């Protein structure tokens, strides 16, 4: 039986653009663009996880809003339960882990 990881993703909109970051080298799906977020620690709430990940990755606080979608992906070695949550930043994001970051128009999201 493979483990299921609970992961959060921040859906952050500004002027009809959405904040995305690029996955770093050496990690699963490296180089892909994604909404910022990450894996929940044991016993951590979705909101707590997302707030922590945004501080760690982008040095920014956020108002955590409603969950808007849940998707499950199964890979050979793991399953991911991905929770997409609306967020509003209270400051300007500054990547802390060397990752690329950009605002993408809604029409370019796929």
PDB file of N, CA and C in Angstrom:
ATOM      1  N   UNK A   1       0.851  -1.189   0.000  1.00  0.00           N
ATOM      2  CA  UNK A   1       0.000   0.000   0.000  1.00  0.00           C
ATOM      3  C   UNK A   1       0.890   1.243   0.000  1.00  0.00           C
ATOM      4  N   UNK A   2       0.544   2.192  -0.853  1.00  0.00           N
ATOM      5  CA  UNK A   2       1.337   3.416  -0.922  1.00  0.00           C
ATOM      6  C   UNK A   2       0.750   4.474   0.006  1.00  0.00           C
ATOM      7  N   UNK A   3       1.632   5.372   0.445  1.00  0.00           N
ATOM      8  CA  UNK A   3       1.221   6.440   1.359  1.00  0.00           C
ATOM      9  C   UNK A   3       0.494   7.537   0.590  1.00  0.00           C
ATOM     10  N   UNK A   4      -0.481   8.165   1.250  1.00  0.00           N
ATOM     11  CA  UNK A   4      -1.165   9.332   0.696  1.00  0.00           C
ATOM     12  C   UNK A   4      -0.662  10.566   1.424  1.00  0.00           C
ATOM     13  N   UNK A   5      -0.100  11.496   0.666  1.00  0.00           N
ATOM     14  CA  UNK A   5       0.377  12.756   1.228  1.00  0.00           C
ATOM     15  C   UNK A   5      -0.701  13.812   1.057  1.00  0.00           C
ATOM     16  N   UNK A   6      -0.979  14.547   2.125  1.00  0.00           N
ATOM     17  CA  UNK A   6      -1.935  15.654   2.066  1.00  0.00           C
ATOM     18  C   UNK A   6      -1.141  16.919   1.771  1.00  0.00           C
ATOM     19  N   UNK A   7      -1.532  17.605   0.705  1.00  0.00           N
ATOM     20  CA  UNK A   7      -0.794  18.763   0.208  1.00  0.00           C
ATOM     21  C   UNK A   7      -1.763  19.920   0.018  1.00  0.00           C
ATOM     22  N   UNK A   8      -1.294  21.136   0.308  1.00  0.00           N
ATOM     23  CA  UNK A   8      -2.097  22.339   0.083  1.00  0.00           C
ATOM     24  C   UNK A   8      -1.498  23.159  -1.052  1.00  0.00           C
ATOM     25  N   UNK A   9      -2.351  23.899  -1.748  1.00  0.00           N
ATOM     26  CA  UNK A   9      -1.927  24.792  -2.817  1.00  0.00           C
ATOM     27  C   UNK A   9      -2.695  26.099  -2.680  1.00  0.00           C
ATOM     28  N   UNK A  10      -1.963  27.211  -2.659  1.00  0.00           N
ATOM     29  CA  UNK A  10      -2.565  28.538  -2.506  1.00  0.00           C
ATOM     30  C   UNK A  10      -2.952  29.098  -3.868  1.00  0.00           C
ATOM     31  N   UNK A  11      -4.229  29.388  -4.039  1.00  0.00           N
ATOM     32  CA  UNK A  11      -4.712  30.026  -5.258  1.00  0.00           C
ATOM     33  C   UNK A  11      -4.802  31.516  -4.941  1.00  0.00           C
ATOM     34  N   UNK A  12      -3.819  32.268  -5.456  1.00  0.00           N
ATOM     35  CA  UNK A  12      -3.660  33.682  -5.116  1.00  0.00           C
ATOM     36  C   UNK A  12      -3.842  34.498  -6.391  1.00  0.00           C
ATOM     37  N   UNK A  13      -4.888  35.315  -6.437  1.00  0.00           N
ATOM     38  CA  UNK A  13      -5.190  36.115  -7.621  1.00  0.00           C
ATOM     39  C   UNK A  13      -4.866  37.578  -7.360  1.00  0.00           C
ATOM     40  N   UNK A  14      -4.382  38.225  -8.411  1.00  0.00           N
ATOM     41  CA  UNK A  14      -4.132  39.672  -8.378  1.00  0.00           C
ATOM     42  C   UNK A  14      -4.285  40.185  -9.807  1.00  0.00           C
ATOM     43  N   UNK A  15      -5.227  41.091 -10.025  1.00  0.00           N
ATOM     44  CA  UNK A  15      -5.459  41.672 -11.356  1.00  0.00           C
ATOM     45  C   UNK A  15      -5.628  40.605 -12.429  1.00  0.00           C
ATOM     46  N   UNK A  16      -6.437  39.594 -12.173  1.00  0.00           N
ATOM     47  CA  UNK A  16      -6.720  38.483 -13.088  1.00  0.00           C
ATOM     48  C   UNK A  16      -5.473  37.667 -13.451  1.00  0.00           C
ATOM     49  N   UNK A  17      -4.453  37.738 -12.595  1.00  0.00           N
ATOM     50  CA  UNK A  17      -3.275  36.882 -12.728  1.00  0.00           C
ATOM     51  C   UNK A  17      -3.151  36.045 -11.461  1.00  0.00           C
ATOM     52  N   UNK A  18      -2.477  34.906 -11.588  1.00  0.00           N
ATOM     53  CA  UNK A  18      -2.332  33.973 -10.467  1.00  0.00           C
ATOM     54  C   UNK A  18      -0.858  33.713 -10.195  1.00  0.00           C
ATOM     55  N   UNK A  19      -0.516  33.646  -8.913  1.00  0.00           N
ATOM     56  CA  UNK A  19       0.865  33.432  -8.499  1.00  0.00           C
ATOM     57  C   UNK A  19       1.233  31.960  -8.635  1.00  0.00           C
ATOM     58  N   UNK A  20       2.327  31.694  -9.349  1.00  0.00           N
ATOM     59  CA  UNK A  20       2.856  30.337  -9.479  1.00  0.00           C
ATOM     60  C   UNK A  20       4.357  30.358  -9.213  1.00  0.00           C
ATOM     61  N   UNK A  21       4.867  29.229  -8.768  1.00  0.00           N
ATOM     62  CA  UNK A  21       6.305  29.059  -8.546  1.00  0.00           C
ATOM     63  C   UNK A  21       6.747  27.794  -9.267  1.00  0.00           C
ATOM     64  N   UNK A  22       8.043  27.745  -9.606  1.00  0.00           N
ATOM     65  CA  UNK A  22       8.579  26.577 -10.318  1.00  0.00           C
ATOM     66  C   UNK A  22       9.207  25.605  -9.330  1.00  0.00           C
ATOM     67  N   UNK A  23       8.879  24.325  -9.479  1.00  0.00           N
ATOM     68  CA  UNK A  23       9.454  23.288  -8.619  1.00  0.00           C
ATOM     69  C   UNK A  23      10.963  23.218  -8.847  1.00  0.00           C
ATOM     70  N   UNK A  24      11.693  23.081  -7.762  1.00  0.00           N
ATOM     71  CA  UNK A  24      13.152  23.099  -7.811  1.00  0.00           C
ATOM     72  C   UNK A  24      13.733  21.780  -8.305  1.00  0.00           C
ATOM     73  N   UNK A  25      15.012  21.835  -8.653  1.00  0.00           N
ATOM     74  CA  UNK A  25      15.732  20.631  -9.077  1.00  0.00           C
ATOM     75  C   UNK A  25      15.823  19.633  -7.935  1.00  0.00           C
ATOM     76  N   UNK A  26      15.775  18.364  -8.301  1.00  0.00           N
ATOM     77  CA  UNK A  26      15.953  17.308  -7.322  1.00  0.00           C
ATOM     78  C   UNK A  26      14.700  16.903  -6.574  1.00  0.00           C
ATOM     79  N   UNK A  27      13.553  17.496  -6.925  1.00  0.00           N
ATOM     80  CA  UNK A  27      12.292  17.129  -6.269  1.00  0.00           C
ATOM     81  C   UNK A  27      11.365  16.482  -7.301  1.00  0.00           C
ATOM     82  N   UNK A  28      10.358  15.803  -6.813  1.00  0.00           N
ATOM     83  CA  UNK A  28       9.358  15.177  -7.681  1.00  0.00           C
ATOM     84  C   UNK A  28       8.760  16.232  -8.615  1.00  0.00           C
ATOM     85  N   UNK A  29       8.702  15.942  -9.896  1.00  0.00           N
ATOM     86  CA  UNK A  29       8.153  16.846 -10.920  1.00  0.00           C
ATOM     87  C   UNK A  29       8.933  18.155 -11.027  1.00  0.00           C
ATOM     88  N   UNK A  30      10.255  18.080 -10.885  1.00  0.00           N
ATOM     89  CA  UNK A  30      11.076  19.296 -10.943  1.00  0.00           C
ATOM     90  C   UNK A  30      10.836  20.062 -12.238  1.00  0.00           C
ATOM     91  N   UNK A  31      10.894  21.398 -12.131  1.00  0.00           N
ATOM     92  CA  UNK A  31      10.741  22.263 -13.286  1.00  0.00           C
ATOM     93  C   UNK A  31       9.306  22.632 -13.642  1.00  0.00           C
ATOM     94  N   UNK A  32       8.341  21.924 -13.093  1.00  0.00           N
ATOM     95  CA  UNK A  32       6.938  22.255 -13.371  1.00  0.00           C
ATOM     96  C   UNK A  32       6.532  23.489 -12.570  1.00  0.00           C
ATOM     97  N   UNK A  33       5.616  24.285 -13.145  1.00  0.00           N
ATOM     98  CA  UNK A  33       5.045  25.431 -12.446  1.00  0.00           C
ATOM     99  C   UNK A  33       3.836  24.960 -11.653  1.00  0.00           C
ATOM    100  N   UNK A  34       3.648  25.548 -10.473  1.00  0.00           N
ATOM    101  CA  UNK A  34       2.548  25.144  -9.601  1.00  0.00           C
ATOM    102  C   UNK A  34       2.139  26.306  -8.708  1.00  0.00           C
ATOM    103  N   UNK A  35       0.960  26.186  -8.114  1.00  0.00           N
ATOM    104  CA  UNK A  35       0.576  27.129  -7.073  1.00  0.00           C
ATOM    105  C   UNK A  35       1.450  26.852  -5.854  1.00  0.00           C
ATOM    106  N   UNK A  36       1.869  27.892  -5.122  1.00  0.00           N
ATOM    107  CA  UNK A  36       2.707  27.653  -3.938  1.00  0.00           C
ATOM    108  C   UNK A  36       1.947  26.888  -2.854  1.00  0.00           C
ATOM    109  N   UNK A  37       2.676  26.149  -2.055  1.00  0.00           N
ATOM    110  CA  UNK A  37       2.091  25.358  -0.975  1.00  0.00           C
ATOM    111  C   UNK A  37       3.014  24.217  -0.627  1.00  0.00           C
ATOM    112  N   UNK A  38       2.466  23.181  -0.031  1.00  0.00           N
ATOM    113  CA  UNK A  38       3.307  22.046   0.311  1.00  0.00           C
ATOM    114  C   UNK A  38       2.606  21.025   1.173  1.00  0.00           C
ATOM    115  N   UNK A  39       3.401  20.048   1.614  1.00  0.00           N
ATOM    116  CA  UNK A  39       2.889  18.918   2.388  1.00  0.00           C
ATOM    117  C   UNK A  39       2.532  19.329   3.812  1.00  0.00           C
ATOM    118  N   UNK A  40       1.439  18.773   4.298  1.00  0.00           N
ATOM    119  CA  UNK A  40       1.019  18.991   5.686  1.00  0.00           C
ATOM    120  C   UNK A  40       1.810  18.080   6.615  1.00  0.00           C
ATOM    121  N   UNK A  41       2.184  18.612   7.765  1.00  0.00           N
ATOM    122  CA  UNK A  41       2.791  17.813   8.820  1.00  0.00           C
ATOM    123  C   UNK A  41       1.689  17.042   9.541  1.00  0.00           C
ATOM    124  N   UNK A  42       2.065  15.972  10.220  1.00  0.00           N
ATOM    125  CA  UNK A  42       1.093  15.162  10.964  1.00  0.00           C
ATOM    126  C   UNK A  42       0.324  16.040  11.947  1.00  0.00           C
ATOM    127  N   UNK A  43      -0.999  15.959  11.929  1.00  0.00           N
ATOM    128  CA  UNK A  43      -1.843  16.706  12.849  1.00  0.00           C
ATOM    129  C   UNK A  43      -2.044  18.169  12.497  1.00  0.00           C
ATOM    130  N   UNK A  44      -1.452  18.641  11.411  1.00  0.00           N
ATOM    131  CA  UNK A  44      -1.548  20.050  11.015  1.00  0.00           C
ATOM    132  C   UNK A  44      -2.820  20.275  10.195  1.00  0.00           C
ATOM    133  N   UNK A  45      -3.511  21.369  10.463  1.00  0.00           N
ATOM    134  CA  UNK A  45      -4.700  21.705   9.679  1.00  0.00           C
ATOM    135  C   UNK A  45      -4.279  22.169   8.286  1.00  0.00           C
ATOM    136  N   UNK A  46      -5.213  22.133   7.350  1.00  0.00           N
ATOM    137  CA  UNK A  46      -4.920  22.618   6.002  1.00  0.00           C
ATOM    138  C   UNK A  46      -4.526  24.092   6.030  1.00  0.00           C
ATOM    139  N   UNK A  47      -5.284  24.908   6.776  1.00  0.00           N
ATOM    140  CA  UNK A  47      -4.985  26.343   6.867  1.00  0.00           C
ATOM    141  C   UNK A  47      -3.626  26.579   7.516  1.00  0.00           C
ATOM    142  N   UNK A  48      -3.334  25.847   8.578  1.00  0.00           N
ATOM    143  CA  UNK A  48      -2.041  25.985   9.248  1.00  0.00           C
ATOM    144  C   UNK A  48      -0.896  25.592   8.348  1.00  0.00           C
ATOM    145  N   UNK A  49      -1.073  24.509   7.608  1.00  0.00           N
ATOM    146  CA  UNK A  49      -0.056  24.054   6.665  1.00  0.00           C
ATOM    147  C   UNK A  49       0.208  25.112   5.603  1.00  0.00           C
ATOM    148  N   UNK A  50      -0.850  25.635   5.012  1.00  0.00           N
ATOM    149  CA  UNK A  50      -0.688  26.599   3.932  1.00  0.00           C
ATOM    150  C   UNK A  50      -0.049  27.889   4.430  1.00  0.00           C
ATOM    151  N   UNK A  51      -0.457  28.374   5.588  1.00  0.00           N
ATOM    152  CA  UNK A  51       0.151  29.584   6.156  1.00  0.00           C
ATOM    153  C   UNK A  51       1.642  29.363   6.403  1.00  0.00           C
ATOM    154  N   UNK A  52       2.012  28.208   6.956  1.00  0.00           N
ATOM    155  CA  UNK A  52       3.422  27.888   7.219  1.00  0.00           C
ATOM    156  C   UNK A  52       4.216  27.815   5.918  1.00  0.00           C
ATOM    157  N   UNK A  53       3.682  27.121   4.926  1.00  0.00           N
ATOM    158  CA  UNK A  53       4.387  26.974   3.651  1.00  0.00           C
ATOM    159  C   UNK A  53       4.595  28.323   2.962  1.00  0.00           C
ATOM    160  N   UNK A  54       3.603  29.205   3.007  1.00  0.00           N
ATOM    161  CA  UNK A  54       3.754  30.523   2.384  1.00  0.00           C
ATOM    162  C   UNK A  54       4.821  31.355   3.088  1.00  0.00           C
ATOM    163  N   UNK A  55       4.894  31.243   4.416  1.00  0.00           N
ATOM    164  CA  UNK A  55       5.958  31.954   5.141  1.00  0.00           C
ATOM    165  C   UNK A  55       7.324  31.382   4.784  1.00  0.00           C
ATOM    166  N   UNK A  56       7.445  30.056   4.751  1.00  0.00           N
ATOM    167  CA  UNK A  56       8.729  29.416   4.459  1.00  0.00           C
ATOM    168  C   UNK A  56       9.191  29.668   3.026  1.00  0.00           C
ATOM    169  N   UNK A  57       8.287  29.554   2.074  1.00  0.00           N
ATOM    170  CA  UNK A  57       8.656  29.642   0.666  1.00  0.00           C
ATOM    171  C   UNK A  57       8.711  31.064   0.124  1.00  0.00           C
ATOM    172  N   UNK A  58       7.809  31.931   0.614  1.00  0.00           N
ATOM    173  CA  UNK A  58       7.665  33.262   0.017  1.00  0.00           C
ATOM    174  C   UNK A  58       7.779  34.402   1.021  1.00  0.00           C
ATOM    175  N   UNK A  59       8.073  34.098   2.274  1.00  0.00           N
ATOM    176  CA  UNK A  59       8.231  35.113   3.317  1.00  0.00           C
ATOM    177  C   UNK A  59       7.046  36.086   3.345  1.00  0.00           C
ATOM    178  N   UNK A  60       5.843  35.521   3.335  1.00  0.00           N
ATOM    179  CA  UNK A  60       4.653  36.362   3.295  1.00  0.00           C
ATOM    180  C   UNK A  60       3.550  35.722   4.142  1.00  0.00           C
ATOM    181  N   UNK A  61       2.763  36.577   4.780  1.00  0.00           N
ATOM    182  CA  UNK A  61       1.584  36.108   5.500  1.00  0.00           C
ATOM    183  C   UNK A  61       0.383  36.205   4.562  1.00  0.00           C
ATOM    184  N   UNK A  62      -0.636  35.430   4.857  1.00  0.00           N
ATOM    185  CA  UNK A  62      -1.813  35.413   3.991  1.00  0.00           C
ATOM    186  C   UNK A  62      -3.070  35.193   4.810  1.00  0.00           C
ATOM    187  N   UNK A  63      -4.175  35.693   4.271  1.00  0.00           N
ATOM    188  CA  UNK A  63      -5.490  35.345   4.800  1.00  0.00           C
ATOM    189  C   UNK A  63      -5.919  34.082   4.061  1.00  0.00           C
ATOM    190  N   UNK A  64      -6.094  33.022   4.807  1.00  0.00           N
ATOM    191  CA  UNK A  64      -6.454  31.740   4.212  1.00  0.00           C
ATOM    192  C   UNK A  64      -7.970  31.691   4.055  1.00  0.00           C
ATOM    193  N   UNK A  65      -8.425  31.480   2.837  1.00  0.00           N
ATOM    194  CA  UNK A  65      -9.854  31.487   2.547  1.00  0.00           C
ATOM    195  C   UNK A  65     -10.438  30.091   2.434  1.00  0.00           C
ATOM    196  N   UNK A  66     -11.361  29.955   1.515  1.00  0.00           N
ATOM    197  CA  UNK A  66     -12.111  28.707   1.344  1.00  0.00           C
ATOM    198  C   UNK A  66     -11.378  27.718   0.450  1.00  0.00           C
ATOM    199  N   UNK A  67     -11.601  26.456   0.737  1.00  0.00           N
ATOM    200  CA  UNK A  67     -11.121  25.400  -0.153  1.00  0.00           C
ATOM    201  C   UNK A  67     -12.009  25.416  -1.389  1.00  0.00           C
ATOM    202  N   UNK A  68     -11.392  25.402  -2.573  1.00  0.00           N
ATOM    203  CA  UNK A  68     -12.183  25.495  -3.800  1.00  0.00           C
ATOM    204  C   UNK A  68     -12.159  24.216  -4.636  1.00  0.00           C
ATOM    205  N   UNK A  69     -11.221  23.324  -4.347  1.00  0.00           N
ATOM    206  CA  UNK A  69     -11.155  22.077  -5.116  1.00  0.00           C
ATOM    207  C   UNK A  69     -10.226  21.100  -4.408  1.00  0.00           C
ATOM    208  N   UNK A  70     -10.500  19.820  -4.561  1.00  0.00           N
ATOM    209  CA  UNK A  70      -9.611  18.759  -4.078  1.00  0.00           C
ATOM    210  C   UNK A  70      -9.375  17.806  -5.238  1.00  0.00           C
ATOM    211  N   UNK A  71      -8.114  17.478  -5.475  1.00  0.00           N
ATOM    212  CA  UNK A  71      -7.760  16.525  -6.529  1.00  0.00           C
ATOM    213  C   UNK A  71      -6.855  15.456  -5.937  1.00  0.00           C
ATOM    214  N   UNK A  72      -6.993  14.247  -6.433  1.00  0.00           N
ATOM    215  CA  UNK A  72      -6.124  13.155  -6.005  1.00  0.00           C
ATOM    216  C   UNK A  72      -5.344  12.656  -7.213  1.00  0.00           C
ATOM    217  N   UNK A  73      -4.030  12.514  -7.032  1.00  0.00           N
ATOM    218  CA  UNK A  73      -3.154  11.988  -8.080  1.00  0.00           C
ATOM    219  C   UNK A  73      -2.455  10.758  -7.535  1.00  0.00           C
ATOM    220  N   UNK A  74      -2.415   9.715  -8.326  1.00  0.00           N
ATOM    221  CA  UNK A  74      -1.705   8.499  -7.923  1.00  0.00           C
ATOM    222  C   UNK A  74      -0.481   8.329  -8.814  1.00  0.00           C
ATOM    223  N   UNK A  75       0.660   8.141  -8.182  1.00  0.00           N
ATOM    224  CA  UNK A  75       1.913   7.858  -8.860  1.00  0.00           C
ATOM    225  C   UNK A  75       2.332   6.442  -8.469  1.00  0.00           C
ATOM    226  N   UNK A  76       3.413   5.951  -9.041  1.00  0.00           N
ATOM    227  CA  UNK A  76       3.878   4.600  -8.719  1.00  0.00           C
ATOM    228  C   UNK A  76       4.222   4.439  -7.247  1.00  0.00           C
ATOM    229  N   UNK A  77       4.784   5.486  -6.656  1.00  0.00           N
ATOM    230  CA  UNK A  77       5.306   5.371  -5.290  1.00  0.00           C
ATOM    231  C   UNK A  77       4.525   6.156  -4.240  1.00  0.00           C
ATOM    232  N   UNK A  78       3.497   6.887  -4.651  1.00  0.00           N
ATOM    233  CA  UNK A  78       2.757   7.719  -3.695  1.00  0.00           C
ATOM    234  C   UNK A  78       1.423   8.162  -4.284  1.00  0.00           C
ATOM    235  N   UNK A  79       0.581   8.638  -3.404  1.00  0.00           N
ATOM    236  CA  UNK A  79      -0.670   9.291  -3.809  1.00  0.00           C
ATOM    237  C   UNK A  79      -0.669  10.678  -3.177  1.00  0.00           C
ATOM    238  N   UNK A  80      -1.197  11.646  -3.895  1.00  0.00           N
ATOM    239  CA  UNK A  80      -1.262  13.025  -3.420  1.00  0.00           C
ATOM    240  C   UNK A  80      -2.725  13.439  -3.338  1.00  0.00           C
ATOM    241  N   UNK A  81      -3.136  13.938  -2.177  1.00  0.00           N
ATOM    242  CA  UNK A  81      -4.461  14.535  -1.994  1.00  0.00           C
ATOM    243  C   UNK A  81      -4.223  16.035  -1.926  1.00  0.00           C
ATOM    244  N   UNK A  82      -4.526  16.728  -3.023  1.00  0.00           N
ATOM    245  CA  UNK A  82      -4.157  18.132  -3.194  1.00  0.00           C
ATOM    246  C   UNK A  82      -5.366  19.033  -2.968  1.00  0.00           C
ATOM    247  N   UNK A  83      -5.254  19.913  -1.965  1.00  0.00           N
ATOM    248  CA  UNK A  83      -6.327  20.834  -1.582  1.00  0.00           C
ATOM    249  C   UNK A  83      -5.988  22.236  -2.090  1.00  0.00           C
ATOM    250  N   UNK A  84      -6.795  22.747  -3.013  1.00  0.00           N
ATOM    251  CA  UNK A  84      -6.628  24.098  -3.545  1.00  0.00           C
ATOM    252  C   UNK A  84      -7.449  25.053  -2.680  1.00  0.00           C
ATOM    253  N   UNK A  85      -6.790  26.098  -2.169  1.00  0.00           N
ATOM    254  CA  UNK A  85      -7.422  27.003  -1.207  1.00  0.00           C
ATOM    255  C   UNK A  85      -7.185  28.450  -1.638  1.00  0.00           C
ATOM    256  N   UNK A  86      -8.261  29.229  -1.680  1.00  0.00           N
ATOM    257  CA  UNK A  86      -8.127  30.651  -2.002  1.00  0.00           C
ATOM    258  C   UNK A  86      -7.367  31.361  -0.889  1.00  0.00           C
ATOM    259  N   UNK A  87      -6.466  32.263  -1.276  1.00  0.00           N
ATOM    260  CA  UNK A  87      -5.689  33.032  -0.295  1.00  0.00           C
ATOM    261  C   UNK A  87      -5.534  34.462  -0.780  1.00  0.00           C
ATOM    262  N   UNK A  88      -5.361  35.362   0.170  1.00  0.00           N
ATOM    263  CA  UNK A  88      -5.045  36.758  -0.129  1.00  0.00           C
ATOM    264  C   UNK A  88      -3.781  37.104   0.642  1.00  0.00           C
ATOM    265  N   UNK A  89      -2.771  37.579  -0.054  1.00  0.00           N
ATOM    266  CA  UNK A  89      -1.508  37.923   0.597  1.00  0.00           C
ATOM    267  C   UNK A  89      -1.633  39.246   1.334  1.00  0.00           C
ATOM    268  N   UNK A  90      -0.927  39.363   2.449  1.00  0.00           N
ATOM    269  CA  UNK A  90      -0.923  40.616   3.206  1.00  0.00           C
ATOM    270  C   UNK A  90       0.338  41.430   2.928  1.00  0.00           C
ATOM    271  N   UNK A  91       1.175  40.956   2.027  1.00  0.00           N
ATOM    272  CA  UNK A  91       2.398  41.655   1.639  1.00  0.00           C
ATOM    273  C   UNK A  91       2.843  41.159   0.276  1.00  0.00           C
ATOM    274  N   UNK A  92       4.060  41.548  -0.098  1.00  0.00           N
ATOM    275  CA  UNK A  92       4.600  41.115  -1.384  1.00  0.00           C
ATOM    276  C   UNK A  92       5.425  39.846  -1.205  1.00  0.00           C
ATOM    277  N   UNK A  93       5.180  38.823  -2.021  1.00  0.00           N
ATOM    278  CA  UNK A  93       5.935  37.577  -1.894  1.00  0.00           C
ATOM    279  C   UNK A  93       7.387  37.752  -2.339  1.00  0.00           C
ATOM    280  N   UNK A  94       8.292  37.097  -1.603  1.00  0.00           N
ATOM    281  CA  UNK A  94       9.726  37.113  -1.922  1.00  0.00           C
ATOM    282  C   UNK A  94      10.234  35.672  -1.826  1.00  0.00           C
ATOM    283  N   UNK A  95      10.515  35.027  -2.964  1.00  0.00           N
ATOM    284  CA  UNK A  95      10.966  33.640  -2.928  1.00  0.00           C
ATOM    285  C   UNK A  95      12.173  33.462  -2.011  1.00  0.00           C
ATOM    286  N   UNK A  96      12.107  32.456  -1.144  1.00  0.00           N
ATOM    287  CA  UNK A  96      13.148  32.211  -0.148  1.00  0.00           C
ATOM    288  C   UNK A  96      14.006  30.994  -0.466  1.00  0.00           C
ATOM    289  N   UNK A  97      13.596  30.172  -1.416  1.00  0.00           N
ATOM    290  CA  UNK A  97      14.292  28.909  -1.672  1.00  0.00           C
ATOM    291  C   UNK A  97      14.960  28.885  -3.041  1.00  0.00           C
ATOM    292  N   UNK A  98      15.099  30.044  -3.657  1.00  0.00           N
ATOM    293  CA  UNK A  98      15.732  30.116  -4.966  1.00  0.00           C
ATOM    294  C   UNK A  98      14.816  29.736  -6.119  1.00  0.00           C
ATOM    295  N   UNK A  99      13.532  29.556  -5.840  1.00  0.00           N
ATOM    296  CA  UNK A  99      12.596  29.151  -6.885  1.00  0.00           C
ATOM    297  C   UNK A  99      12.175  30.348  -7.735  1.00  0.00           C
ATOM    298  N   UNK A 100      11.865  30.085  -9.001  1.00  0.00           N
ATOM    299  CA  UNK A 100      11.298  31.111  -9.865  1.00  0.00           C
ATOM    300  C   UNK A 100       9.853  31.347  -9.451  1.00  0.00           C
ATOM    301  N   UNK A 101       9.392  32.579  -9.671  1.00  0.00           N
ATOM    302  CA  UNK A 101       8.031  32.957  -9.314  1.00  0.00           C
ATOM    303  C   UNK A 101       7.518  33.895 -10.389  1.00  0.00           C
ATOM    304  N   UNK A 102       6.246  33.779 -10.724  1.00  0.00           N
ATOM    305  CA  UNK A 102       5.658  34.729 -11.674  1.00  0.00           C
ATOM    306  C   UNK A 102       4.149  34.786 -11.499  1.00  0.00           C
ATOM    307  N   UNK A 103       3.590  35.885 -12.003  1.00  0.00           N
ATOM    308  CA  UNK A 103       2.137  36.056 -12.040  1.00  0.00           C
ATOM    309  C   UNK A 103       1.693  35.692 -13.457  1.00  0.00           C
ATOM    310  N   UNK A 104       0.753  34.764 -13.564  1.00  0.00           N
ATOM    311  CA  UNK A 104       0.324  34.236 -14.855  1.00  0.00           C
ATOM    312  C   UNK A 104      -1.129  34.623 -15.106  1.00  0.00           C
ATOM    313  N   UNK A 105      -1.428  35.179 -16.295  1.00  0.00           N
ATOM    314  CA  UNK A 105      -2.828  35.486 -16.612  1.00  0.00           C
ATOM    315  C   UNK A 105      -3.684  34.220 -16.573  1.00  0.00           C
ATOM    316  N   UNK A 106      -4.908  34.387 -16.161  1.00  0.00           N
ATOM    317  CA  UNK A 106      -5.831  33.249 -16.048  1.00  0.00           C
ATOM    318  C   UNK A 106      -5.886  32.430 -17.343  1.00  0.00           C
ATOM    319  N   UNK A 107      -5.863  33.110 -18.485  1.00  0.00           N
ATOM    320  CA  UNK A 107      -5.963  32.429 -19.776  1.00  0.00           C
ATOM    321  C   UNK A 107      -4.790  31.478 -20.033  1.00  0.00           C
ATOM    322  N   UNK A 108      -3.670  31.674 -19.362  1.00  0.00           N
ATOM    323  CA  UNK A 108      -2.490  30.817 -19.568  1.00  0.00           C
ATOM    324  C   UNK A 108      -2.433  29.628 -18.617  1.00  0.00           C
ATOM    325  N   UNK A 109      -3.319  29.580 -17.638  1.00  0.00           N
ATOM    326  CA  UNK A 109      -3.316  28.443 -16.709  1.00  0.00           C
ATOM    327  C   UNK A 109      -3.874  27.209 -17.408  1.00  0.00           C
ATOM    328  N   UNK A 110      -3.204  26.072 -17.177  1.00  0.00           N
ATOM    329  CA  UNK A 110      -3.721  24.814 -17.737  1.00  0.00           C
ATOM    330  C   UNK A 110      -3.382  23.677 -16.825  1.00  0.00           C
TER     331      UNK A 110
END
